[in-house]
Amino acid sequence: MIPGMDPKMLKQAMKRMGLKQEELDALEVIIKCKDKDIIISEPSVIKVNMMGQENFQVSGKITERKLEVFDEDDIQTIIGQTGCTKDQAKNALEQEKDLAKAILRLKSQ
């Protein structure tokens, strides 16, 4: 908002400039990056349409969650060391979050 400007006048000015603003009732916003997820809880989300171009303004409580990424080489190493299936290797990696611990887990089963 512009201080001292009547909200009705501001709305008319925005309309003349081709700006449309809409508040969305969002519960959570998640931005997925290559190595992490950014989670915005209790968000305030505003969608702004300016001459056909849509933009989103998001604010709220921000937390980050680091993603563990394992590649095909890790999975093949586990299979080679333990003789397990590909699915078993993936599950062990997801649970242990560590290559060596995943191998030890599968060898002890």
PDB file of N, CA and C in Angstrom:
ATOM      1  N   MET A   1       0.828  -1.183   0.000  1.00  0.00           N
ATOM      2  CA  MET A   1       0.000   0.000   0.000  1.00  0.00           C
ATOM      3  C   MET A   1       0.873   1.248   0.000  1.00  0.00           C
ATOM      4  N   ILE A   2       0.367   2.263  -0.613  1.00  0.00           N
ATOM      5  CA  ILE A   2       1.051   3.541  -0.638  1.00  0.00           C
ATOM      6  C   ILE A   2       0.472   4.380   0.489  1.00  0.00           C
ATOM      7  N   PRO A   3       1.335   4.846   1.418  1.00  0.00           N
ATOM      8  CA  PRO A   3       0.837   5.614   2.561  1.00  0.00           C
ATOM      9  C   PRO A   3       0.062   6.857   2.105  1.00  0.00           C
ATOM     10  N   GLY A   4      -1.068   7.077   2.756  1.00  0.00           N
ATOM     11  CA  GLY A   4      -1.878   8.266   2.474  1.00  0.00           C
ATOM     12  C   GLY A   4      -2.765   8.142   1.250  1.00  0.00           C
ATOM     13  N   MET A   5      -2.746   7.025   0.546  1.00  0.00           N
ATOM     14  CA  MET A   5      -3.589   6.862  -0.639  1.00  0.00           C
ATOM     15  C   MET A   5      -4.799   6.018  -0.292  1.00  0.00           C
ATOM     16  N   ASP A   6      -5.932   6.467  -0.728  1.00  0.00           N
ATOM     17  CA  ASP A   6      -7.191   5.764  -0.515  1.00  0.00           C
ATOM     18  C   ASP A   6      -7.137   4.399  -1.219  1.00  0.00           C
ATOM     19  N   PRO A   7      -7.482   3.315  -0.515  1.00  0.00           N
ATOM     20  CA  PRO A   7      -7.426   1.980  -1.130  1.00  0.00           C
ATOM     21  C   PRO A   7      -8.252   1.879  -2.418  1.00  0.00           C
ATOM     22  N   LYS A   8      -9.380   2.572  -2.460  1.00  0.00           N
ATOM     23  CA  LYS A   8     -10.228   2.545  -3.647  1.00  0.00           C
ATOM     24  C   LYS A   8      -9.502   3.200  -4.830  1.00  0.00           C
ATOM     25  N   MET A   9      -8.824   4.321  -4.558  1.00  0.00           N
ATOM     26  CA  MET A   9      -8.074   5.019  -5.607  1.00  0.00           C
ATOM     27  C   MET A   9      -6.888   4.158  -6.079  1.00  0.00           C
ATOM     28  N   LEU A  10      -6.254   3.478  -5.124  1.00  0.00           N
ATOM     29  CA  LEU A  10      -5.137   2.609  -5.456  1.00  0.00           C
ATOM     30  C   LEU A  10      -5.599   1.475  -6.370  1.00  0.00           C
ATOM     31  N   LYS A  11      -6.757   0.902  -6.070  1.00  0.00           N
ATOM     32  CA  LYS A  11      -7.302  -0.174  -6.883  1.00  0.00           C
ATOM     33  C   LYS A  11      -7.598   0.308  -8.302  1.00  0.00           C
ATOM     34  N   GLN A  12      -8.147   1.514  -8.422  1.00  0.00           N
ATOM     35  CA  GLN A  12      -8.437   2.077  -9.742  1.00  0.00           C
ATOM     36  C   GLN A  12      -7.138   2.341 -10.516  1.00  0.00           C
ATOM     37  N   ALA A  13      -6.125   2.853  -9.819  1.00  0.00           N
ATOM     38  CA  ALA A  13      -4.836   3.130 -10.471  1.00  0.00           C
ATOM     39  C   ALA A  13      -4.205   1.826 -10.967  1.00  0.00           C
ATOM     40  N   MET A  14      -4.296   0.779 -10.158  1.00  0.00           N
ATOM     41  CA  MET A  14      -3.751  -0.518 -10.556  1.00  0.00           C
ATOM     42  C   MET A  14      -4.482  -1.053 -11.790  1.00  0.00           C
ATOM     43  N   LYS A  15      -5.795  -0.856 -11.827  1.00  0.00           N
ATOM     44  CA  LYS A  15      -6.595  -1.318 -12.960  1.00  0.00           C
ATOM     45  C   LYS A  15      -6.187  -0.584 -14.239  1.00  0.00           C
ATOM     46  N   ARG A  16      -5.950   0.741 -14.136  1.00  0.00           N
ATOM     47  CA  ARG A  16      -5.523   1.530 -15.299  1.00  0.00           C
ATOM     48  C   ARG A  16      -4.162   1.070 -15.824  1.00  0.00           C
ATOM     49  N   MET A  17      -3.290   0.604 -14.910  1.00  0.00           N
ATOM     50  CA  MET A  17      -1.957   0.140 -15.315  1.00  0.00           C
ATOM     51  C   MET A  17      -1.964  -1.323 -15.766  1.00  0.00           C
ATOM     52  N   GLY A  18      -3.123  -1.962 -15.719  1.00  0.00           N
ATOM     53  CA  GLY A  18      -3.219  -3.357 -16.144  1.00  0.00           C
ATOM     54  C   GLY A  18      -2.795  -4.347 -15.074  1.00  0.00           C
ATOM     55  N   LEU A  19      -2.826  -3.934 -13.808  1.00  0.00           N
ATOM     56  CA  LEU A  19      -2.441  -4.801 -12.694  1.00  0.00           C
ATOM     57  C   LEU A  19      -3.675  -5.387 -12.024  1.00  0.00           C
ATOM     58  N   LYS A  20      -3.650  -6.706 -11.846  1.00  0.00           N
ATOM     59  CA  LYS A  20      -4.712  -7.377 -11.095  1.00  0.00           C
ATOM     60  C   LYS A  20      -4.041  -8.143  -9.979  1.00  0.00           C
ATOM     61  N   GLN A  21      -4.601  -8.041  -8.790  1.00  0.00           N
ATOM     62  CA  GLN A  21      -4.014  -8.687  -7.619  1.00  0.00           C
ATOM     63  C   GLN A  21      -5.056  -9.568  -6.964  1.00  0.00           C
ATOM     64  N   GLU A  22      -4.636 -10.785  -6.591  1.00  0.00           N
ATOM     65  CA  GLU A  22      -5.544 -11.738  -5.961  1.00  0.00           C
ATOM     66  C   GLU A  22      -4.816 -12.448  -4.835  1.00  0.00           C
ATOM     67  N   GLU A  23      -5.419 -12.490  -3.661  1.00  0.00           N
ATOM     68  CA  GLU A  23      -4.819 -13.215  -2.536  1.00  0.00           C
ATOM     69  C   GLU A  23      -5.290 -14.663  -2.594  1.00  0.00           C
ATOM     70  N   LEU A  24      -4.342 -15.593  -2.478  1.00  0.00           N
ATOM     71  CA  LEU A  24      -4.655 -17.018  -2.530  1.00  0.00           C
ATOM     72  C   LEU A  24      -4.675 -17.597  -1.120  1.00  0.00           C
ATOM     73  N   ASP A  25      -5.572 -18.539  -0.888  1.00  0.00           N
ATOM     74  CA  ASP A  25      -5.695 -19.197   0.409  1.00  0.00           C
ATOM     75  C   ASP A  25      -4.822 -20.455   0.404  1.00  0.00           C
ATOM     76  N   ALA A  26      -3.501 -20.272   0.505  1.00  0.00           N
ATOM     77  CA  ALA A  26      -2.560 -21.393   0.450  1.00  0.00           C
ATOM     78  C   ALA A  26      -2.272 -21.909   1.859  1.00  0.00           C
ATOM     79  N   LEU A  27      -2.077 -23.213   1.973  1.00  0.00           N
ATOM     80  CA  LEU A  27      -1.755 -23.842   3.252  1.00  0.00           C
ATOM     81  C   LEU A  27      -0.249 -23.959   3.456  1.00  0.00           C
ATOM     82  N   GLU A  28       0.479 -24.200   2.350  1.00  0.00           N
ATOM     83  CA  GLU A  28       1.926 -24.383   2.416  1.00  0.00           C
ATOM     84  C   GLU A  28       2.484 -24.172   1.009  1.00  0.00           C
ATOM     85  N   VAL A  29       3.689 -23.621   0.935  1.00  0.00           N
ATOM     86  CA  VAL A  29       4.369 -23.443  -0.346  1.00  0.00           C
ATOM     87  C   VAL A  29       5.699 -24.184  -0.261  1.00  0.00           C
ATOM     88  N   ILE A  30       5.971 -25.023  -1.261  1.00  0.00           N
ATOM     89  CA  ILE A  30       7.230 -25.773  -1.300  1.00  0.00           C
ATOM     90  C   ILE A  30       7.938 -25.438  -2.601  1.00  0.00           C
ATOM     91  N   ILE A  31       9.184 -24.975  -2.462  1.00  0.00           N
ATOM     92  CA  ILE A  31      10.021 -24.701  -3.625  1.00  0.00           C
ATOM     93  C   ILE A  31      11.055 -25.810  -3.674  1.00  0.00           C
ATOM     94  N   LYS A  32      11.028 -26.596  -4.747  1.00  0.00           N
ATOM     95  CA  LYS A  32      11.929 -27.736  -4.886  1.00  0.00           C
ATOM     96  C   LYS A  32      13.162 -27.307  -5.669  1.00  0.00           C
ATOM     97  N   CYS A  33      14.315 -27.391  -5.017  1.00  0.00           N
ATOM     98  CA  CYS A  33      15.603 -27.096  -5.643  1.00  0.00           C
ATOM     99  C   CYS A  33      16.339 -28.409  -5.862  1.00  0.00           C
ATOM    100  N   LYS A  34      17.471 -28.343  -6.524  1.00  0.00           N
ATOM    101  CA  LYS A  34      18.236 -29.549  -6.812  1.00  0.00           C
ATOM    102  C   LYS A  34      18.717 -30.244  -5.545  1.00  0.00           C
ATOM    103  N   ASP A  35      19.165 -29.462  -4.555  1.00  0.00           N
ATOM    104  CA  ASP A  35      19.757 -30.052  -3.362  1.00  0.00           C
ATOM    105  C   ASP A  35      18.953 -29.833  -2.082  1.00  0.00           C
ATOM    106  N   LYS A  36      17.835 -29.102  -2.161  1.00  0.00           N
ATOM    107  CA  LYS A  36      17.039 -28.844  -0.965  1.00  0.00           C
ATOM    108  C   LYS A  36      15.616 -28.456  -1.338  1.00  0.00           C
ATOM    109  N   ASP A  37      14.727 -28.548  -0.369  1.00  0.00           N
ATOM    110  CA  ASP A  37      13.368 -28.031  -0.483  1.00  0.00           C
ATOM    111  C   ASP A  37      13.254 -26.839   0.451  1.00  0.00           C
ATOM    112  N   ILE A  38      12.624 -25.780  -0.018  1.00  0.00           N
ATOM    113  CA  ILE A  38      12.342 -24.616   0.821  1.00  0.00           C
ATOM    114  C   ILE A  38      10.851 -24.673   1.123  1.00  0.00           C
ATOM    115  N   ILE A  39      10.515 -24.765   2.407  1.00  0.00           N
ATOM    116  CA  ILE A  39       9.129 -24.907   2.831  1.00  0.00           C
ATOM    117  C   ILE A  39       8.690 -23.619   3.507  1.00  0.00           C
ATOM    118  N   ILE A  40       7.588 -23.064   3.022  1.00  0.00           N
ATOM    119  CA  ILE A  40       7.039 -21.840   3.603  1.00  0.00           C
ATOM    120  C   ILE A  40       5.688 -22.203   4.206  1.00  0.00           C
ATOM    121  N   SER A  41       5.637 -22.206   5.545  1.00  0.00           N
ATOM    122  CA  SER A  41       4.394 -22.539   6.237  1.00  0.00           C
ATOM    123  C   SER A  41       3.685 -21.253   6.640  1.00  0.00           C
ATOM    124  N   GLU A  42       2.388 -21.371   6.858  1.00  0.00           N
ATOM    125  CA  GLU A  42       1.536 -20.216   7.158  1.00  0.00           C
ATOM    126  C   GLU A  42       1.792 -19.086   6.161  1.00  0.00           C
ATOM    127  N   PRO A  43       1.701 -19.398   4.845  1.00  0.00           N
ATOM    128  CA  PRO A  43       2.075 -18.406   3.847  1.00  0.00           C
ATOM    129  C   PRO A  43       0.996 -17.365   3.574  1.00  0.00           C
ATOM    130  N   SER A  44       1.472 -16.207   3.167  1.00  0.00           N
ATOM    131  CA  SER A  44       0.624 -15.176   2.588  1.00  0.00           C
ATOM    132  C   SER A  44       1.025 -15.144   1.122  1.00  0.00           C
ATOM    133  N   VAL A  45       0.113 -15.535   0.231  1.00  0.00           N
ATOM    134  CA  VAL A  45       0.424 -15.637  -1.190  1.00  0.00           C
ATOM    135  C   VAL A  45      -0.457 -14.676  -1.974  1.00  0.00           C
ATOM    136  N   ILE A  46       0.184 -13.833  -2.760  1.00  0.00           N
ATOM    137  CA  ILE A  46      -0.538 -12.878  -3.596  1.00  0.00           C
ATOM    138  C   ILE A  46      -0.139 -13.133  -5.037  1.00  0.00           C
ATOM    139  N   LYS A  47      -1.145 -13.326  -5.892  1.00  0.00           N
ATOM    140  CA  LYS A  47      -0.901 -13.508  -7.324  1.00  0.00           C
ATOM    141  C   LYS A  47      -1.147 -12.166  -7.999  1.00  0.00           C
ATOM    142  N   VAL A  48      -0.140 -11.699  -8.738  1.00  0.00           N
ATOM    143  CA  VAL A  48      -0.242 -10.417  -9.434  1.00  0.00           C
ATOM    144  C   VAL A  48      -0.184 -10.697 -10.927  1.00  0.00           C
ATOM    145  N   ASN A  49      -1.185 -10.198 -11.647  1.00  0.00           N
ATOM    146  CA  ASN A  49      -1.227 -10.338 -13.095  1.00  0.00           C
ATOM    147  C   ASN A  49      -1.001  -8.958 -13.690  1.00  0.00           C
ATOM    148  N   MET A  50       0.121  -8.805 -14.408  1.00  0.00           N
ATOM    149  CA  MET A  50       0.428  -7.523 -15.025  1.00  0.00           C
ATOM    150  C   MET A  50       0.507  -7.739 -16.531  1.00  0.00           C
ATOM    151  N   MET A  51      -0.557  -7.321 -17.205  1.00  0.00           N
ATOM    152  CA  MET A  51      -0.644  -7.429 -18.665  1.00  0.00           C
ATOM    153  C   MET A  51      -0.366  -8.852 -19.148  1.00  0.00           C
ATOM    154  N   GLY A  52      -0.987  -9.842 -18.508  1.00  0.00           N
ATOM    155  CA  GLY A  52      -0.866 -11.232 -18.915  1.00  0.00           C
ATOM    156  C   GLY A  52       0.282 -11.998 -18.275  1.00  0.00           C
ATOM    157  N   GLN A  53       1.200 -11.305 -17.634  1.00  0.00           N
ATOM    158  CA  GLN A  53       2.332 -11.950 -16.960  1.00  0.00           C
ATOM    159  C   GLN A  53       1.959 -12.176 -15.499  1.00  0.00           C
ATOM    160  N   GLU A  54       1.939 -13.451 -15.060  1.00  0.00           N
ATOM    161  CA  GLU A  54       1.575 -13.760 -13.682  1.00  0.00           C
ATOM    162  C   GLU A  54       2.811 -13.913 -12.815  1.00  0.00           C
ATOM    163  N   ASN A  55       2.788 -13.289 -11.641  1.00  0.00           N
ATOM    164  CA  ASN A  55       3.858 -13.382 -10.653  1.00  0.00           C
ATOM    165  C   ASN A  55       3.235 -13.693  -9.304  1.00  0.00           C
ATOM    166  N   PHE A  56       4.026 -14.321  -8.437  1.00  0.00           N
ATOM    167  CA  PHE A  56       3.553 -14.653  -7.104  1.00  0.00           C
ATOM    168  C   PHE A  56       4.471 -14.024  -6.076  1.00  0.00           C
ATOM    169  N   GLN A  57       3.859 -13.448  -5.058  1.00  0.00           N
ATOM    170  CA  GLN A  57       4.612 -12.896  -3.927  1.00  0.00           C
ATOM    171  C   GLN A  57       4.260 -13.768  -2.726  1.00  0.00           C
ATOM    172  N   VAL A  58       5.290 -14.351  -2.108  1.00  0.00           N
ATOM    173  CA  VAL A  58       5.076 -15.298  -1.017  1.00  0.00           C
ATOM    174  C   VAL A  58       5.870 -14.856   0.202  1.00  0.00           C
ATOM    175  N   SER A  59       5.207 -14.864   1.352  1.00  0.00           N
ATOM    176  CA  SER A  59       5.908 -14.615   2.612  1.00  0.00           C
ATOM    177  C   SER A  59       5.337 -15.567   3.659  1.00  0.00           C
ATOM    178  N   GLY A  60       6.132 -15.847   4.690  1.00  0.00           N
ATOM    179  CA  GLY A  60       5.696 -16.759   5.745  1.00  0.00           C
ATOM    180  C   GLY A  60       6.889 -17.288   6.504  1.00  0.00           C
ATOM    181  N   LYS A  61       6.661 -18.341   7.277  1.00  0.00           N
ATOM    182  CA  LYS A  61       7.728 -18.981   8.057  1.00  0.00           C
ATOM    183  C   LYS A  61       8.511 -19.918   7.153  1.00  0.00           C
ATOM    184  N   ILE A  62       9.816 -19.664   7.012  1.00  0.00           N
ATOM    185  CA  ILE A  62      10.640 -20.410   6.068  1.00  0.00           C
ATOM    186  C   ILE A  62      11.522 -21.435   6.788  1.00  0.00           C
ATOM    187  N   THR A  63      11.491 -22.666   6.275  1.00  0.00           N
ATOM    188  CA  THR A  63      12.411 -23.708   6.735  1.00  0.00           C
ATOM    189  C   THR A  63      12.994 -24.380   5.493  1.00  0.00           C
ATOM    190  N   GLU A  64      14.176 -24.956   5.653  1.00  0.00           N
ATOM    191  CA  GLU A  64      14.818 -25.662   4.552  1.00  0.00           C
ATOM    192  C   GLU A  64      15.027 -27.115   4.934  1.00  0.00           C
ATOM    193  N   ARG A  65      14.880 -27.979   3.936  1.00  0.00           N
ATOM    194  CA  ARG A  65      15.106 -29.412   4.144  1.00  0.00           C
ATOM    195  C   ARG A  65      16.111 -29.868   3.084  1.00  0.00           C
ATOM    196  N   LYS A  66      17.286 -30.283   3.541  1.00  0.00           N
ATOM    197  CA  LYS A  66      18.326 -30.741   2.626  1.00  0.00           C
ATOM    198  C   LYS A  66      17.953 -32.111   2.080  1.00  0.00           C
ATOM    199  N   LEU A  67      18.148 -32.294   0.789  1.00  0.00           N
ATOM    200  CA  LEU A  67      17.844 -33.564   0.155  1.00  0.00           C
ATOM    201  C   LEU A  67      19.103 -34.396   0.031  1.00  0.00           C
ATOM    202  N   GLU A  68      18.977 -35.658   0.349  1.00  0.00           N
ATOM    203  CA  GLU A  68      20.089 -36.591   0.167  1.00  0.00           C
ATOM    204  C   GLU A  68      19.963 -37.166  -1.237  1.00  0.00           C
ATOM    205  N   VAL A  69      20.995 -36.985  -2.029  1.00  0.00           N
ATOM    206  CA  VAL A  69      20.953 -37.455  -3.410  1.00  0.00           C
ATOM    207  C   VAL A  69      21.994 -38.556  -3.592  1.00  0.00           C
ATOM    208  N   PHE A  70      21.519 -39.725  -4.011  1.00  0.00           N
ATOM    209  CA  PHE A  70      22.401 -40.850  -4.271  1.00  0.00           C
ATOM    210  C   PHE A  70      22.321 -41.167  -5.754  1.00  0.00           C
ATOM    211  N   ASP A  71      23.459 -41.436  -6.348  1.00  0.00           N
ATOM    212  CA  ASP A  71      23.461 -41.718  -7.782  1.00  0.00           C
ATOM    213  C   ASP A  71      23.498 -43.222  -8.053  1.00  0.00           C
ATOM    214  N   GLU A  72      23.457 -43.546  -9.317  1.00  0.00           N
ATOM    215  CA  GLU A  72      23.425 -44.944  -9.748  1.00  0.00           C
ATOM    216  C   GLU A  72      24.689 -45.706  -9.314  1.00  0.00           C
ATOM    217  N   ASP A  73      25.823 -45.017  -9.259  1.00  0.00           N
ATOM    218  CA  ASP A  73      27.069 -45.667  -8.817  1.00  0.00           C
ATOM    219  C   ASP A  73      26.952 -46.168  -7.376  1.00  0.00           C
ATOM    220  N   ASP A  74      26.328 -45.370  -6.506  1.00  0.00           N
ATOM    221  CA  ASP A  74      26.127 -45.783  -5.117  1.00  0.00           C
ATOM    222  C   ASP A  74      25.274 -47.054  -5.053  1.00  0.00           C
ATOM    223  N   ILE A  75      24.215 -47.068  -5.841  1.00  0.00           N
ATOM    224  CA  ILE A  75      23.313 -48.219  -5.849  1.00  0.00           C
ATOM    225  C   ILE A  75      24.037 -49.460  -6.360  1.00  0.00           C
ATOM    226  N   GLN A  76      24.819 -49.294  -7.428  1.00  0.00           N
ATOM    227  CA  GLN A  76      25.565 -50.428  -7.990  1.00  0.00           C
ATOM    228  C   GLN A  76      26.635 -50.932  -7.016  1.00  0.00           C
ATOM    229  N   THR A  77      27.245 -50.024  -6.263  1.00  0.00           N
ATOM    230  CA  THR A  77      28.234 -50.428  -5.258  1.00  0.00           C
ATOM    231  C   THR A  77      27.588 -51.304  -4.199  1.00  0.00           C
ATOM    232  N   ILE A  78      26.419 -50.911  -3.734  1.00  0.00           N
ATOM    233  CA  ILE A  78      25.699 -51.692  -2.723  1.00  0.00           C
ATOM    234  C   ILE A  78      25.324 -53.058  -3.274  1.00  0.00           C
ATOM    235  N   ILE A  79      24.822 -53.093  -4.509  1.00  0.00           N
ATOM    236  CA  ILE A  79      24.445 -54.365  -5.128  1.00  0.00           C
ATOM    237  C   ILE A  79      25.670 -55.271  -5.245  1.00  0.00           C
ATOM    238  N   GLY A  80      26.805 -54.702  -5.668  1.00  0.00           N
ATOM    239  CA  GLY A  80      28.033 -55.482  -5.812  1.00  0.00           C
ATOM    240  C   GLY A  80      28.555 -56.017  -4.494  1.00  0.00           C
ATOM    241  N   GLN A  81      28.399 -55.244  -3.425  1.00  0.00           N
ATOM    242  CA  GLN A  81      28.904 -55.651  -2.107  1.00  0.00           C
ATOM    243  C   GLN A  81      27.982 -56.631  -1.394  1.00  0.00           C
ATOM    244  N   THR A  82      26.684 -56.538  -1.659  1.00  0.00           N
ATOM    245  CA  THR A  82      25.731 -57.330  -0.876  1.00  0.00           C
ATOM    246  C   THR A  82      24.943 -58.355  -1.685  1.00  0.00           C
ATOM    247  N   GLY A  83      24.879 -58.192  -2.999  1.00  0.00           N
ATOM    248  CA  GLY A  83      24.096 -59.098  -3.821  1.00  0.00           C
ATOM    249  C   GLY A  83      22.593 -58.859  -3.718  1.00  0.00           C
ATOM    250  N   CYS A  84      22.200 -57.710  -3.203  1.00  0.00           N
ATOM    251  CA  CYS A  84      20.774 -57.403  -3.048  1.00  0.00           C
ATOM    252  C   CYS A  84      20.179 -56.913  -4.371  1.00  0.00           C
ATOM    253  N   THR A  85      18.883 -56.668  -4.362  1.00  0.00           N
ATOM    254  CA  THR A  85      18.211 -56.117  -5.547  1.00  0.00           C
ATOM    255  C   THR A  85      18.378 -54.599  -5.569  1.00  0.00           C
ATOM    256  N   LYS A  86      18.056 -54.014  -6.705  1.00  0.00           N
ATOM    257  CA  LYS A  86      18.152 -52.567  -6.852  1.00  0.00           C
ATOM    258  C   LYS A  86      17.210 -51.856  -5.871  1.00  0.00           C
ATOM    259  N   ASP A  87      15.999 -52.378  -5.729  1.00  0.00           N
ATOM    260  CA  ASP A  87      15.033 -51.772  -4.795  1.00  0.00           C
ATOM    261  C   ASP A  87      15.524 -51.850  -3.357  1.00  0.00           C
ATOM    262  N   GLN A  88      16.115 -52.980  -2.986  1.00  0.00           N
ATOM    263  CA  GLN A  88      16.648 -53.116  -1.626  1.00  0.00           C
ATOM    264  C   GLN A  88      17.785 -52.117  -1.391  1.00  0.00           C
ATOM    265  N   ALA A  89      18.635 -51.920  -2.396  1.00  0.00           N
ATOM    266  CA  ALA A  89      19.742 -50.967  -2.273  1.00  0.00           C
ATOM    267  C   ALA A  89      19.216 -49.548  -2.103  1.00  0.00           C
ATOM    268  N   LYS A  90      18.217 -49.183  -2.912  1.00  0.00           N
ATOM    269  CA  LYS A  90      17.623 -47.836  -2.802  1.00  0.00           C
ATOM    270  C   LYS A  90      16.998 -47.626  -1.429  1.00  0.00           C
ATOM    271  N   ASN A  91      16.248 -48.603  -0.961  1.00  0.00           N
ATOM    272  CA  ASN A  91      15.595 -48.488   0.347  1.00  0.00           C
ATOM    273  C   ASN A  91      16.609 -48.338   1.471  1.00  0.00           C
ATOM    274  N   ALA A  92      17.690 -49.123   1.405  1.00  0.00           N
ATOM    275  CA  ALA A  92      18.726 -49.041   2.442  1.00  0.00           C
ATOM    276  C   ALA A  92      19.385 -47.662   2.434  1.00  0.00           C
ATOM    277  N   LEU A  93      19.645 -47.121   1.245  1.00  0.00           N
ATOM    278  CA  LEU A  93      20.242 -45.780   1.148  1.00  0.00           C
ATOM    279  C   LEU A  93      19.302 -44.710   1.698  1.00  0.00           C
ATOM    280  N   GLU A  94      18.023 -44.830   1.379  1.00  0.00           N
ATOM    281  CA  GLU A  94      17.046 -43.855   1.868  1.00  0.00           C
ATOM    282  C   GLU A  94      16.931 -43.897   3.387  1.00  0.00           C
ATOM    283  N   GLN A  95      16.999 -45.085   3.958  1.00  0.00           N
ATOM    284  CA  GLN A  95      16.857 -45.213   5.403  1.00  0.00           C
ATOM    285  C   GLN A  95      18.122 -44.816   6.142  1.00  0.00           C
ATOM    286  N   GLU A  96      19.273 -45.209   5.635  1.00  0.00           N
ATOM    287  CA  GLU A  96      20.537 -44.971   6.349  1.00  0.00           C
ATOM    288  C   GLU A  96      21.182 -43.635   6.004  1.00  0.00           C
ATOM    289  N   LYS A  97      20.910 -43.105   4.806  1.00  0.00           N
ATOM    290  CA  LYS A  97      21.489 -41.829   4.349  1.00  0.00           C
ATOM    291  C   LYS A  97      23.011 -41.863   4.251  1.00  0.00           C
ATOM    292  N   ASP A  98      23.579 -43.072   4.183  1.00  0.00           N
ATOM    293  CA  ASP A  98      25.024 -43.226   4.133  1.00  0.00           C
ATOM    294  C   ASP A  98      25.347 -44.544   3.416  1.00  0.00           C
ATOM    295  N   LEU A  99      26.278 -44.498   2.477  1.00  0.00           N
ATOM    296  CA  LEU A  99      26.612 -45.665   1.668  1.00  0.00           C
ATOM    297  C   LEU A  99      27.125 -46.833   2.518  1.00  0.00           C
ATOM    298  N   ALA A 100      28.101 -46.566   3.383  1.00  0.00           N
ATOM    299  CA  ALA A 100      28.687 -47.633   4.211  1.00  0.00           C
ATOM    300  C   ALA A 100      27.658 -48.245   5.156  1.00  0.00           C
ATOM    301  N   LYS A 101      26.847 -47.403   5.781  1.00  0.00           N
ATOM    302  CA  LYS A 101      25.827 -47.916   6.704  1.00  0.00           C
ATOM    303  C   LYS A 101      24.786 -48.751   5.967  1.00  0.00           C
ATOM    304  N   ALA A 102      24.461 -48.355   4.734  1.00  0.00           N
ATOM    305  CA  ALA A 102      23.492 -49.119   3.948  1.00  0.00           C
ATOM    306  C   ALA A 102      24.042 -50.506   3.630  1.00  0.00           C
ATOM    307  N   ILE A 103      25.324 -50.569   3.274  1.00  0.00           N
ATOM    308  CA  ILE A 103      25.956 -51.870   2.984  1.00  0.00           C
ATOM    309  C   ILE A 103      25.967 -52.748   4.235  1.00  0.00           C
ATOM    310  N   LEU A 104      26.379 -52.186   5.362  1.00  0.00           N
ATOM    311  CA  LEU A 104      26.409 -52.960   6.610  1.00  0.00           C
ATOM    312  C   LEU A 104      25.023 -53.447   7.002  1.00  0.00           C
ATOM    313  N   ARG A 105      24.038 -52.620   6.811  1.00  0.00           N
ATOM    314  CA  ARG A 105      22.660 -53.008   7.141  1.00  0.00           C
ATOM    315  C   ARG A 105      22.221 -54.210   6.327  1.00  0.00           C
ATOM    316  N   LEU A 106      22.487 -54.153   5.014  1.00  0.00           N
ATOM    317  CA  LEU A 106      22.064 -55.244   4.149  1.00  0.00           C
ATOM    318  C   LEU A 106      22.865 -56.519   4.395  1.00  0.00           C
ATOM    319  N   LYS A 107      24.144 -56.393   4.737  1.00  0.00           N
ATOM    320  CA  LYS A 107      24.972 -57.578   5.018  1.00  0.00           C
ATOM    321  C   LYS A 107      24.529 -58.256   6.304  1.00  0.00           C
ATOM    322  N   SER A 108      23.980 -57.486   7.253  1.00  0.00           N
ATOM    323  CA  SER A 108      23.580 -58.072   8.535  1.00  0.00           C
ATOM    324  C   SER A 108      22.202 -58.732   8.472  1.00  0.00           C
ATOM    325  N   GLN A 109      21.520 -58.555   7.370  1.00  0.00           N
ATOM    326  CA  GLN A 109      20.167 -59.157   7.252  1.00  0.00           C
ATOM    327  C   GLN A 109      20.227 -60.589   6.833  1.00  0.00           C
TER     328      GLN A 109
END
